[in-house]
Amino acid sequence: MRQPDMTKAYVIGASLAGLLAASALAGRFDQVVVLDRDKLPDRAAPRRGVPPKATAVS
């Protein structure tokens, strides 16, 4: 049986959890690809969805 290609990992979602998962996977894979439904900005910017003030973490 052929071994699976373990050089690339995919993470679905660029939320805080998704980016944390991508960071954890970066040490084990040659390439980590983060997929998200929104186009990500080139620099930090607010994203649509739940506003930061509405979350439990302030």
Foldseek 3Di string as FASTA:
>chain_A
DDDDDQAEEEFEDPDPVSVVVQVVCVVPHNYYHYHYPDDDDPDDDDDDDDDPVPDPPD
